[in-house]
Amino acid sequence: IEEIVRRKGKPPGEMIAAIAVSDITRPVPYKGEAGILPPLLKRLESAGIKKENVKIIVATGMHRASTSDEKIEMYGKEAVEEYTITDHDCENNDLLESIGTTKRGTHVYVNRDFYFADLKIATGLVESHFFTGISGGRKSICPGLVDVKTIQRFHGPAFLEDPRATNLVLEGNPCHEEALEVAETVGVDFVINVNLDKDLRLLRVFTGNM
């Protein structure tokens, strides 16, 4: 994290950091001693980024907004009290920015707060996924932080009927490739993914680029 911040060439105290997090429908361990959010927030602070300049954005996709209780349950009371946590709204055009058209012809709009941040971090759970091959990483951006039309197209027959849109297949999978292209276009700087066991206990944490 510190090296990425240094490479930005901007005083850390002036930088805006955005973190895409999963909502209550995903069992990502964010809070507590075994959670991934407290150490991430501490590293950002140690790198010189101010708390008030960190935006935690719930990548809801087309899900409803999180309740206050759900935010505390997912991210912890301290994070809720000390940081700005907002829900993505895929239907609010004032909160969306056009990033152009993908190779498959989707004109994508993405969450403005995330897109215009100086440091962009994606988080998620990696497991087998029935049409993107695996979950995690790039899915927090697409479909997590994009507009409703992009989400509908991403879940439409042109993508889902492809035989390669299935569990544990990435090569040639149109859903994976679309989501990855969007995340790369947005410019995600850092990813934190986790694996859980069958009892939803944290097994491993993987960090790095897309």
Protein backbone atom coordinates (compact mmCIF):
# COMPACT_ATOMS: atom_id res chain seq x y z
CA ILE A 1 0.00 0.00 0.00
CA GLU A 2 2.72 2.46 1.00
CA GLU A 3 4.63 1.89 -2.25
CA ILE A 4 1.48 2.43 -4.32
CA VAL A 5 0.81 5.68 -2.46
CA ARG A 6 4.38 6.86 -3.11
CA ARG A 7 4.09 6.12 -6.82
CA LYS A 8 1.03 8.35 -7.12
CA GLY A 9 3.25 11.42 -6.91
CA LYS A 10 0.78 13.34 -4.77
CA PRO A 11 1.10 14.32 -1.10
CA PRO A 12 -0.61 11.51 0.86
CA GLY A 13 -2.44 14.04 3.02
CA GLU A 14 -4.21 15.29 -0.10
CA MET A 15 -5.09 11.90 -1.53
CA ILE A 16 -8.57 10.36 -1.62
CA ALA A 17 -8.77 6.60 -1.11
CA ALA A 18 -11.84 4.55 -2.05
CA ILE A 19 -12.50 1.00 -0.86
CA ALA A 20 -15.17 -1.14 -2.51
CA VAL A 21 -16.66 -3.53 0.05
CA SER A 22 -19.30 -6.26 -0.17
CA ASP A 23 -22.75 -5.89 1.35
CA ILE A 24 -24.50 -8.07 3.91
CA THR A 25 -25.27 -10.76 1.31
CA ARG A 26 -21.60 -11.79 1.19
CA PRO A 27 -19.80 -13.32 4.20
CA VAL A 28 -16.58 -11.35 3.78
CA PRO A 29 -14.89 -10.96 7.19
CA TYR A 30 -14.37 -7.22 7.41
CA LYS A 31 -14.55 -6.41 11.14
CA GLY A 32 -12.75 -7.61 14.24
CA GLU A 33 -9.34 -9.14 14.89
CA ALA A 34 -9.67 -11.58 11.99
CA GLY A 35 -11.20 -8.97 9.67
CA ILE A 36 -9.49 -7.41 6.68
CA LEU A 37 -10.76 -3.85 7.14
CA PRO A 38 -8.97 -2.75 10.37
CA PRO A 39 -5.45 -3.58 9.13
CA LEU A 40 -6.19 -2.00 5.74
CA LEU A 41 -7.41 1.22 7.35
CA LYS A 42 -4.35 1.29 9.62
CA ARG A 43 -2.03 0.86 6.64
CA LEU A 44 -3.73 3.70 4.79
CA GLU A 45 -3.36 5.92 7.83
CA SER A 46 0.32 4.96 8.27
CA ALA A 47 0.85 5.81 4.59
CA GLY A 48 -0.34 9.34 5.36
CA ILE A 49 -3.91 9.22 4.07
CA LYS A 50 -6.32 11.04 6.37
CA LYS A 51 -9.36 9.23 7.77
CA GLU A 52 -11.65 11.90 6.39
CA ASN A 53 -10.23 11.21 2.92
CA VAL A 54 -11.10 7.50 2.96
CA LYS A 55 -14.39 6.55 1.32
CA ILE A 56 -15.77 3.07 1.97
CA ILE A 57 -18.31 2.28 -0.76
CA VAL A 58 -20.68 -0.66 -0.43
CA ALA A 59 -20.70 -2.35 -3.84
CA THR A 60 -24.40 -3.16 -3.83
CA GLY A 61 -24.88 -3.70 -7.56
CA MET A 62 -28.68 -3.77 -7.80
CA HIS A 63 -29.20 -4.76 -4.16
CA ARG A 64 -30.95 -2.40 -1.77
CA ALA A 65 -28.95 0.01 0.37
CA SER A 66 -27.51 -1.30 3.63
CA THR A 67 -29.17 -0.41 6.91
CA SER A 68 -27.21 1.23 9.74
CA ASP A 69 -27.30 -2.02 11.72
CA GLU A 70 -26.01 -3.98 8.73
CA LYS A 71 -23.10 -1.60 8.29
CA ILE A 72 -22.11 -2.09 11.93
CA GLU A 73 -22.51 -5.85 11.62
CA MET A 74 -20.37 -5.98 8.47
CA TYR A 75 -17.69 -3.33 9.01
CA GLY A 76 -17.68 -2.75 12.77
CA LYS A 77 -18.79 0.11 15.00
CA GLU A 78 -15.42 1.86 14.87
CA ALA A 79 -15.33 1.96 11.07
CA VAL A 80 -18.92 3.22 10.90
CA GLU A 81 -18.20 5.99 13.40
CA GLU A 82 -14.83 7.09 12.06
CA TYR A 83 -15.13 6.69 8.29
CA THR A 84 -17.51 7.68 5.52
CA ILE A 85 -19.45 4.60 4.40
CA THR A 86 -21.90 5.00 1.53
CA ASP A 87 -23.98 2.64 -0.59
CA HIS A 88 -23.64 2.53 -4.36
CA ASP A 89 -26.82 3.49 -6.23
CA CYS A 90 -26.88 2.04 -9.74
CA GLU A 91 -29.88 4.16 -10.75
CA ASN A 92 -28.66 7.59 -9.60
CA ASN A 93 -27.07 9.15 -12.66
CA ASP A 94 -25.65 12.01 -10.57
CA LEU A 95 -23.38 9.48 -8.84
CA LEU A 96 -22.18 7.78 -12.04
CA GLU A 97 -19.42 8.55 -14.54
CA SER A 98 -19.09 7.22 -18.09
CA ILE A 99 -15.91 5.22 -18.68
CA GLY A 100 -16.62 4.37 -22.31
CA THR A 101 -17.58 1.18 -24.10
CA THR A 102 -16.15 -2.29 -23.52
CA LYS A 103 -14.92 -4.62 -26.27
CA ARG A 104 -18.28 -6.39 -26.08
CA GLY A 105 -20.20 -3.16 -26.67
CA THR A 106 -21.36 -2.27 -23.17
CA HIS A 107 -21.40 1.47 -22.45
CA VAL A 108 -20.41 1.48 -18.80
CA TYR A 109 -21.02 4.03 -16.07
CA VAL A 110 -19.30 3.62 -12.72
CA ASN A 111 -19.53 5.09 -9.23
CA ARG A 112 -17.98 8.57 -9.37
CA ASP A 113 -16.54 8.52 -5.84
CA PHE A 114 -14.63 5.37 -6.64
CA TYR A 115 -13.58 6.37 -10.14
CA PHE A 116 -12.18 9.77 -9.17
CA ALA A 117 -10.36 8.55 -6.05
CA ASP A 118 -6.57 8.72 -6.12
CA LEU A 119 -6.23 5.23 -4.65
CA LYS A 120 -8.77 2.53 -5.57
CA ILE A 121 -9.03 -0.70 -3.58
CA ALA A 122 -11.34 -3.64 -4.31
CA THR A 123 -12.21 -6.36 -1.80
CA GLY A 124 -14.17 -9.59 -1.99
CA LEU A 125 -14.61 -13.30 -1.45
CA VAL A 126 -13.13 -15.79 -3.90
CA GLU A 127 -15.19 -18.93 -4.48
CA SER A 128 -16.62 -20.84 -7.41
CA HIS A 129 -19.20 -18.75 -9.28
CA PHE A 130 -21.81 -20.16 -11.61
CA PHE A 131 -21.27 -17.69 -14.46
CA THR A 132 -18.17 -15.58 -13.78
CA GLY A 133 -16.04 -18.63 -13.05
CA ILE A 134 -14.93 -17.34 -9.68
CA SER A 135 -16.16 -14.46 -7.55
CA GLY A 136 -14.14 -11.70 -5.88
CA GLY A 137 -11.89 -8.85 -7.03
CA ARG A 138 -13.18 -7.40 -10.28
CA LYS A 139 -16.80 -8.29 -9.41
CA SER A 140 -16.82 -5.64 -6.69
CA ILE A 141 -16.53 -3.12 -9.53
CA CYS A 142 -18.64 -4.87 -12.17
CA PRO A 143 -21.43 -5.47 -11.29
CA GLY A 144 -20.86 -3.96 -7.82
CA LEU A 145 -20.28 -0.29 -8.72
CA VAL A 146 -21.74 0.13 -12.22
CA ASP A 147 -25.03 1.43 -13.62
CA VAL A 148 -28.26 -0.55 -13.88
CA LYS A 149 -28.07 -1.04 -17.66
CA THR A 150 -24.58 -2.49 -17.43
CA ILE A 151 -25.73 -4.85 -14.67
CA GLN A 152 -28.72 -5.97 -16.72
CA ARG A 153 -26.55 -6.62 -19.76
CA PHE A 154 -23.96 -8.42 -17.62
CA HIS A 155 -26.72 -10.76 -16.40
CA GLY A 156 -28.38 -11.04 -19.81
CA PRO A 157 -28.53 -13.93 -22.29
CA ALA A 158 -25.69 -12.61 -24.47
CA PHE A 159 -23.35 -13.36 -21.56
CA LEU A 160 -25.02 -16.10 -19.55
CA GLU A 161 -25.84 -18.40 -22.47
CA ASP A 162 -22.18 -18.67 -23.43
CA PRO A 163 -21.03 -22.22 -22.50
CA ARG A 164 -17.84 -20.78 -21.02
CA ALA A 165 -19.84 -18.70 -18.52
CA THR A 166 -19.72 -21.36 -15.84
CA ASN A 167 -18.03 -22.46 -12.63
CA LEU A 168 -14.21 -22.23 -12.44
CA VAL A 169 -13.77 -21.23 -16.10
CA LEU A 170 -11.96 -17.95 -16.73
CA GLU A 171 -10.39 -18.32 -20.17
CA GLY A 172 -12.88 -17.16 -22.79
CA ASN A 173 -15.55 -16.54 -20.14
CA PRO A 174 -17.36 -13.38 -21.34
CA CYS A 175 -18.58 -12.49 -17.85
CA HIS A 176 -15.11 -12.69 -16.33
CA GLU A 177 -13.52 -10.80 -19.23
CA GLU A 178 -16.16 -8.06 -19.15
CA ALA A 179 -15.81 -7.53 -15.40
CA LEU A 180 -12.02 -7.58 -15.62
CA GLU A 181 -11.98 -5.04 -18.46
CA VAL A 182 -14.21 -2.68 -16.48
CA ALA A 183 -12.07 -2.97 -13.35
CA GLU A 184 -8.89 -2.35 -15.35
CA THR A 185 -10.44 0.63 -17.12
CA VAL A 186 -11.52 2.11 -13.80
CA GLY A 187 -7.93 1.66 -12.61
CA VAL A 188 -8.11 -0.53 -9.51
CA ASP A 189 -4.78 -0.18 -7.69
CA PHE A 190 -5.00 -2.96 -5.14
CA VAL A 191 -7.16 -5.99 -4.41
CA ILE A 192 -7.80 -7.87 -1.18
CA ASN A 193 -9.50 -11.24 -1.62
CA VAL A 194 -10.29 -13.90 0.96
CA ASN A 195 -11.04 -17.62 1.01
CA LEU A 196 -13.37 -19.11 3.64
CA ASP A 197 -13.89 -22.69 4.76
CA LYS A 198 -17.26 -24.48 4.82
CA ASP A 199 -18.01 -22.89 8.22
CA LEU A 200 -17.27 -19.40 6.80
CA ARG A 201 -14.05 -19.10 8.77
CA LEU A 202 -11.18 -17.17 7.22
CA LEU A 203 -8.63 -19.44 5.54
CA ARG A 204 -6.41 -17.14 3.50
CA VAL A 205 -6.01 -13.54 2.43
CA PHE A 206 -4.62 -12.69 -1.02
CA THR A 207 -3.50 -9.20 -1.97
CA GLY A 208 -2.01 -7.60 -5.05
CA ASN A 209 -3.10 -6.38 -8.46
CA MET A 210 -6.04 -7.61 -10.56
